[in-house]
Amino acid sequence: MYLQIIISILVIIALSVIIKRKSQNKLSLGQAATWFLMWLIVLIVFWYPESTSYLASALGIGRGADLIIYAAIVVMFYMLFRIYLRMDKLSSDITKVVRKVGIDEVNKKDNV
């Protein structure tokens, strides 16, 4: 029971941070909705752990804990993929900026 209360407090804090970041336009509506939904699912699973067993059996998975592990792995791979894409874009952007600065420096030396 104490763990559920602690997790509930942490989820409420996380939800308030999401709302604050959305109001500051640091999160898009889609990002805020995704994180909000994820934290609500965490809260539901902690208060009603048997709900995962019902969903797991409906999906043909033996136990609710297995469903949570499978879902966590899929989410982690998705997040790693997104991080990889963002890093690749940042690398490309940095290359463009460095090229432009290099060309500007050469042009500046030629004009002096």
N, C-alpha and C. Protein backbone atom coordinates (compact mmCIF):
# COMPACT_ATOMS: atom_id res chain seq x y z
N MET A 1 0.82 -1.20 0.00
CA MET A 1 0.00 0.00 0.00
C MET A 1 0.86 1.26 0.00
N TYR A 2 1.96 1.25 0.79
CA TYR A 2 2.83 2.41 0.84
C TYR A 2 3.49 2.68 -0.52
N LEU A 3 3.87 1.60 -1.20
CA LEU A 3 4.49 1.76 -2.51
C LEU A 3 3.51 2.40 -3.50
N GLN A 4 2.26 2.00 -3.44
CA GLN A 4 1.26 2.58 -4.33
C GLN A 4 1.09 4.08 -4.07
N ILE A 5 1.13 4.47 -2.81
CA ILE A 5 1.00 5.89 -2.47
C ILE A 5 2.22 6.67 -2.96
N ILE A 6 3.41 6.11 -2.76
CA ILE A 6 4.63 6.77 -3.21
C ILE A 6 4.63 6.91 -4.73
N ILE A 7 4.28 5.82 -5.43
CA ILE A 7 4.22 5.87 -6.90
C ILE A 7 3.17 6.87 -7.35
N SER A 8 2.04 6.93 -6.67
CA SER A 8 0.98 7.88 -7.03
C SER A 8 1.48 9.31 -6.91
N ILE A 9 2.22 9.60 -5.84
CA ILE A 9 2.76 10.95 -5.65
C ILE A 9 3.76 11.27 -6.77
N LEU A 10 4.62 10.31 -7.09
CA LEU A 10 5.59 10.53 -8.16
C LEU A 10 4.91 10.74 -9.51
N VAL A 11 3.84 9.98 -9.77
CA VAL A 11 3.10 10.15 -11.03
C VAL A 11 2.43 11.52 -11.08
N ILE A 12 1.87 11.97 -9.97
CA ILE A 12 1.25 13.29 -9.93
C ILE A 12 2.29 14.38 -10.19
N ILE A 13 3.49 14.21 -9.63
CA ILE A 13 4.57 15.17 -9.89
C ILE A 13 4.93 15.14 -11.38
N ALA A 14 5.06 13.94 -11.94
CA ALA A 14 5.41 13.82 -13.37
C ALA A 14 4.33 14.46 -14.24
N LEU A 15 3.07 14.24 -13.91
CA LEU A 15 1.98 14.84 -14.68
C LEU A 15 1.99 16.36 -14.59
N SER A 16 2.30 16.88 -13.41
CA SER A 16 2.36 18.34 -13.26
C SER A 16 3.53 18.92 -14.05
N VAL A 17 4.66 18.20 -14.12
CA VAL A 17 5.79 18.66 -14.93
C VAL A 17 5.41 18.67 -16.40
N ILE A 18 4.69 17.65 -16.84
CA ILE A 18 4.25 17.59 -18.24
C ILE A 18 3.34 18.78 -18.55
N ILE A 19 2.40 19.05 -17.69
CA ILE A 19 1.48 20.17 -17.90
C ILE A 19 2.25 21.49 -17.92
N LYS A 20 3.20 21.65 -17.01
CA LYS A 20 4.00 22.88 -16.96
C LYS A 20 4.83 23.05 -18.23
N ARG A 21 5.49 21.97 -18.67
CA ARG A 21 6.31 22.06 -19.88
C ARG A 21 5.45 22.32 -21.11
N LYS A 22 4.25 21.76 -21.15
CA LYS A 22 3.33 22.02 -22.27
C LYS A 22 2.90 23.49 -22.26
N SER A 23 2.61 24.04 -21.09
CA SER A 23 2.19 25.44 -21.01
C SER A 23 3.33 26.39 -21.39
N GLN A 24 4.58 25.95 -21.22
CA GLN A 24 5.75 26.75 -21.61
C GLN A 24 6.15 26.48 -23.06
N ASN A 25 5.36 25.68 -23.77
CA ASN A 25 5.63 25.29 -25.17
C ASN A 25 6.96 24.56 -25.33
N LYS A 26 7.38 23.82 -24.31
CA LYS A 26 8.58 23.00 -24.41
C LYS A 26 8.25 21.59 -24.88
N LEU A 27 6.97 21.25 -24.87
CA LEU A 27 6.48 19.97 -25.38
C LEU A 27 5.37 20.25 -26.38
N SER A 28 5.36 19.46 -27.45
CA SER A 28 4.24 19.58 -28.39
C SER A 28 3.02 18.90 -27.78
N LEU A 29 1.88 19.12 -28.38
CA LEU A 29 0.65 18.50 -27.88
C LEU A 29 0.75 16.98 -27.94
N GLY A 30 1.31 16.46 -29.03
CA GLY A 30 1.46 15.01 -29.17
C GLY A 30 2.40 14.43 -28.13
N GLN A 31 3.53 15.11 -27.89
CA GLN A 31 4.47 14.63 -26.89
C GLN A 31 3.84 14.66 -25.50
N ALA A 32 3.18 15.76 -25.19
CA ALA A 32 2.55 15.89 -23.87
C ALA A 32 1.47 14.82 -23.69
N ALA A 33 0.67 14.59 -24.71
CA ALA A 33 -0.38 13.57 -24.62
C ALA A 33 0.21 12.17 -24.45
N THR A 34 1.29 11.89 -25.17
CA THR A 34 1.93 10.58 -25.07
C THR A 34 2.48 10.34 -23.67
N TRP A 35 3.22 11.32 -23.14
CA TRP A 35 3.78 11.17 -21.80
C TRP A 35 2.67 11.12 -20.74
N PHE A 36 1.66 11.94 -20.91
CA PHE A 36 0.54 11.95 -19.97
C PHE A 36 -0.13 10.58 -19.93
N LEU A 37 -0.40 10.02 -21.10
CA LEU A 37 -1.02 8.70 -21.19
C LEU A 37 -0.14 7.62 -20.57
N MET A 38 1.16 7.70 -20.84
CA MET A 38 2.08 6.70 -20.29
C MET A 38 2.06 6.73 -18.76
N TRP A 39 2.10 7.92 -18.17
CA TRP A 39 2.10 8.02 -16.72
C TRP A 39 0.75 7.59 -16.13
N LEU A 40 -0.34 7.85 -16.84
CA LEU A 40 -1.64 7.37 -16.36
C LEU A 40 -1.70 5.84 -16.38
N ILE A 41 -1.11 5.22 -17.41
CA ILE A 41 -1.05 3.76 -17.47
C ILE A 41 -0.24 3.21 -16.31
N VAL A 42 0.87 3.86 -15.98
CA VAL A 42 1.69 3.44 -14.83
C VAL A 42 0.84 3.49 -13.56
N LEU A 43 0.10 4.56 -13.40
CA LEU A 43 -0.74 4.71 -12.21
C LEU A 43 -1.81 3.62 -12.14
N ILE A 44 -2.45 3.34 -13.27
CA ILE A 44 -3.49 2.30 -13.30
C ILE A 44 -2.90 0.94 -12.98
N VAL A 45 -1.74 0.64 -13.55
CA VAL A 45 -1.11 -0.68 -13.31
C VAL A 45 -0.72 -0.83 -11.85
N PHE A 46 -0.27 0.25 -11.20
CA PHE A 46 0.11 0.13 -9.80
C PHE A 46 -1.09 -0.02 -8.88
N TRP A 47 -2.23 0.59 -9.23
CA TRP A 47 -3.42 0.47 -8.40
C TRP A 47 -4.25 -0.76 -8.74
N TYR A 48 -4.20 -1.21 -10.00
CA TYR A 48 -4.95 -2.39 -10.43
C TYR A 48 -4.02 -3.34 -11.19
N PRO A 49 -3.12 -4.02 -10.51
CA PRO A 49 -2.15 -4.88 -11.20
C PRO A 49 -2.80 -6.04 -11.96
N GLU A 50 -3.98 -6.44 -11.56
CA GLU A 50 -4.65 -7.55 -12.27
C GLU A 50 -5.10 -7.14 -13.68
N SER A 51 -5.17 -5.85 -13.94
CA SER A 51 -5.57 -5.38 -15.27
C SER A 51 -4.59 -5.85 -16.34
N THR A 52 -3.32 -5.98 -16.00
CA THR A 52 -2.34 -6.45 -16.98
C THR A 52 -2.57 -7.92 -17.31
N SER A 53 -3.02 -8.69 -16.34
CA SER A 53 -3.31 -10.11 -16.59
C SER A 53 -4.47 -10.27 -17.56
N TYR A 54 -5.50 -9.45 -17.40
CA TYR A 54 -6.64 -9.51 -18.32
C TYR A 54 -6.21 -9.16 -19.74
N LEU A 55 -5.45 -8.10 -19.86
CA LEU A 55 -4.98 -7.66 -21.17
C LEU A 55 -4.02 -8.68 -21.78
N ALA A 56 -3.16 -9.25 -20.95
CA ALA A 56 -2.20 -10.25 -21.44
C ALA A 56 -2.93 -11.48 -21.98
N SER A 57 -3.92 -11.94 -21.24
CA SER A 57 -4.64 -13.13 -21.71
C SER A 57 -5.42 -12.83 -22.99
N ALA A 58 -5.92 -11.61 -23.12
CA ALA A 58 -6.63 -11.23 -24.35
C ALA A 58 -5.68 -11.19 -25.54
N LEU A 59 -4.40 -10.89 -25.29
CA LEU A 59 -3.40 -10.84 -26.35
C LEU A 59 -2.67 -12.17 -26.55
N GLY A 60 -3.02 -13.16 -25.74
CA GLY A 60 -2.40 -14.47 -25.88
C GLY A 60 -1.05 -14.58 -25.19
N ILE A 61 -0.79 -13.72 -24.22
CA ILE A 61 0.45 -13.76 -23.44
C ILE A 61 0.11 -14.36 -22.09
N GLY A 62 1.01 -15.18 -21.58
CA GLY A 62 0.74 -15.93 -20.36
C GLY A 62 0.46 -15.10 -19.13
N ARG A 63 1.34 -14.15 -18.81
CA ARG A 63 1.20 -13.39 -17.57
C ARG A 63 1.23 -11.89 -17.85
N GLY A 64 0.65 -11.14 -16.94
CA GLY A 64 0.66 -9.69 -17.06
C GLY A 64 2.06 -9.11 -16.97
N ALA A 65 2.91 -9.72 -16.13
CA ALA A 65 4.28 -9.26 -15.99
C ALA A 65 5.03 -9.41 -17.31
N ASP A 66 4.77 -10.49 -18.04
CA ASP A 66 5.40 -10.68 -19.35
C ASP A 66 4.96 -9.59 -20.32
N LEU A 67 3.70 -9.25 -20.28
CA LEU A 67 3.18 -8.17 -21.14
C LEU A 67 3.90 -6.86 -20.86
N ILE A 68 4.10 -6.55 -19.59
CA ILE A 68 4.78 -5.31 -19.21
C ILE A 68 6.21 -5.32 -19.72
N ILE A 69 6.90 -6.44 -19.59
CA ILE A 69 8.28 -6.55 -20.06
C ILE A 69 8.34 -6.39 -21.57
N TYR A 70 7.46 -7.06 -22.29
CA TYR A 70 7.44 -6.95 -23.76
C TYR A 70 7.17 -5.51 -24.18
N ALA A 71 6.20 -4.89 -23.55
CA ALA A 71 5.86 -3.51 -23.89
C ALA A 71 7.03 -2.57 -23.58
N ALA A 72 7.69 -2.80 -22.44
CA ALA A 72 8.83 -1.95 -22.07
C ALA A 72 9.96 -2.08 -23.08
N ILE A 73 10.22 -3.29 -23.55
CA ILE A 73 11.27 -3.50 -24.54
C ILE A 73 10.93 -2.78 -25.84
N VAL A 74 9.70 -2.90 -26.28
CA VAL A 74 9.28 -2.23 -27.52
C VAL A 74 9.41 -0.71 -27.37
N VAL A 75 8.98 -0.17 -26.24
CA VAL A 75 9.06 1.27 -26.01
C VAL A 75 10.52 1.72 -25.96
N MET A 76 11.38 0.94 -25.31
CA MET A 76 12.79 1.32 -25.24
C MET A 76 13.44 1.31 -26.62
N PHE A 77 13.15 0.29 -27.43
CA PHE A 77 13.70 0.27 -28.78
C PHE A 77 13.20 1.45 -29.61
N TYR A 78 11.94 1.80 -29.45
CA TYR A 78 11.39 2.95 -30.16
C TYR A 78 12.10 4.23 -29.73
N MET A 79 12.30 4.38 -28.41
CA MET A 79 12.97 5.58 -27.91
C MET A 79 14.43 5.63 -28.38
N LEU A 80 15.12 4.50 -28.40
CA LEU A 80 16.48 4.47 -28.92
C LEU A 80 16.52 4.86 -30.39
N PHE A 81 15.56 4.38 -31.15
CA PHE A 81 15.47 4.74 -32.56
C PHE A 81 15.27 6.24 -32.73
N ARG A 82 14.38 6.82 -31.93
CA ARG A 82 14.15 8.27 -31.99
C ARG A 82 15.40 9.05 -31.61
N ILE A 83 16.11 8.59 -30.59
CA ILE A 83 17.35 9.24 -30.18
C ILE A 83 18.38 9.15 -31.30
N TYR A 84 18.47 7.99 -31.94
CA TYR A 84 19.40 7.83 -33.06
C TYR A 84 19.07 8.81 -34.18
N LEU A 85 17.79 8.92 -34.54
CA LEU A 85 17.39 9.85 -35.59
C LEU A 85 17.72 11.30 -35.23
N ARG A 86 17.49 11.66 -33.97
CA ARG A 86 17.78 13.02 -33.54
C ARG A 86 19.28 13.30 -33.55
N MET A 87 20.08 12.33 -33.12
CA MET A 87 21.54 12.51 -33.14
C MET A 87 22.05 12.62 -34.57
N ASP A 88 21.49 11.84 -35.47
CA ASP A 88 21.89 11.90 -36.87
C ASP A 88 21.56 13.27 -37.46
N LYS A 89 20.39 13.80 -37.13
CA LYS A 89 20.00 15.13 -37.61
C LYS A 89 20.92 16.20 -37.02
N LEU A 90 21.23 16.09 -35.73
CA LEU A 90 22.13 17.05 -35.10
C LEU A 90 23.51 17.02 -35.75
N SER A 91 24.00 15.82 -36.06
CA SER A 91 25.30 15.68 -36.72
C SER A 91 25.28 16.37 -38.08
N SER A 92 24.22 16.17 -38.82
CA SER A 92 24.07 16.81 -40.13
C SER A 92 24.01 18.33 -39.99
N ASP A 93 23.26 18.82 -39.00
CA ASP A 93 23.15 20.26 -38.78
C ASP A 93 24.50 20.86 -38.38
N ILE A 94 25.23 20.17 -37.52
CA ILE A 94 26.56 20.65 -37.10
C ILE A 94 27.50 20.72 -38.31
N THR A 95 27.44 19.70 -39.16
CA THR A 95 28.28 19.70 -40.36
C THR A 95 27.97 20.90 -41.24
N LYS A 96 26.69 21.20 -41.43
CA LYS A 96 26.30 22.36 -42.25
C LYS A 96 26.80 23.67 -41.64
N VAL A 97 26.68 23.82 -40.33
CA VAL A 97 27.13 25.04 -39.66
C VAL A 97 28.64 25.18 -39.77
N VAL A 98 29.38 24.10 -39.55
CA VAL A 98 30.84 24.15 -39.63
C VAL A 98 31.28 24.50 -41.05
N ARG A 99 30.64 23.94 -42.05
CA ARG A 99 30.97 24.27 -43.44
C ARG A 99 30.73 25.75 -43.72
N LYS A 100 29.58 26.26 -43.26
CA LYS A 100 29.25 27.67 -43.50
C LYS A 100 30.25 28.58 -42.80
N VAL A 101 30.60 28.27 -41.57
CA VAL A 101 31.58 29.09 -40.83
C VAL A 101 32.93 29.03 -41.53
N GLY A 102 33.32 27.84 -41.99
CA GLY A 102 34.59 27.70 -42.70
C GLY A 102 34.62 28.52 -43.98
N ILE A 103 33.55 28.46 -44.74
CA ILE A 103 33.47 29.23 -45.99
C ILE A 103 33.47 30.73 -45.68
N ASP A 104 32.74 31.15 -44.66
CA ASP A 104 32.71 32.56 -44.27
C ASP A 104 34.10 33.03 -43.84
N GLU A 105 34.84 32.21 -43.13
CA GLU A 105 36.20 32.57 -42.69
C GLU A 105 37.12 32.72 -43.89
N VAL A 106 37.03 31.81 -44.86
CA VAL A 106 37.86 31.92 -46.05
C VAL A 106 37.51 33.17 -46.83
N ASN A 107 36.22 33.45 -46.99
CA ASN A 107 35.79 34.67 -47.70
C ASN A 107 36.24 35.93 -46.97
N LYS A 108 36.23 35.91 -45.65
CA LYS A 108 36.65 37.07 -44.86
C LYS A 108 38.15 37.32 -45.07
N LYS A 109 38.96 36.24 -45.10
CA LYS A 109 40.41 36.38 -45.30
C LYS A 109 40.71 36.90 -46.71
N ASP A 110 39.93 36.47 -47.69
CA ASP A 110 40.13 36.93 -49.07
C ASP A 110 39.81 38.41 -49.23
N ASN A 111 38.85 38.90 -48.47
CA ASN A 111 38.44 40.31 -48.57
C ASN A 111 39.39 41.24 -47.81
N VAL A 112 40.22 40.72 -46.94
CA VAL A 112 41.14 41.56 -46.15
C VAL A 112 42.38 41.81 -46.86
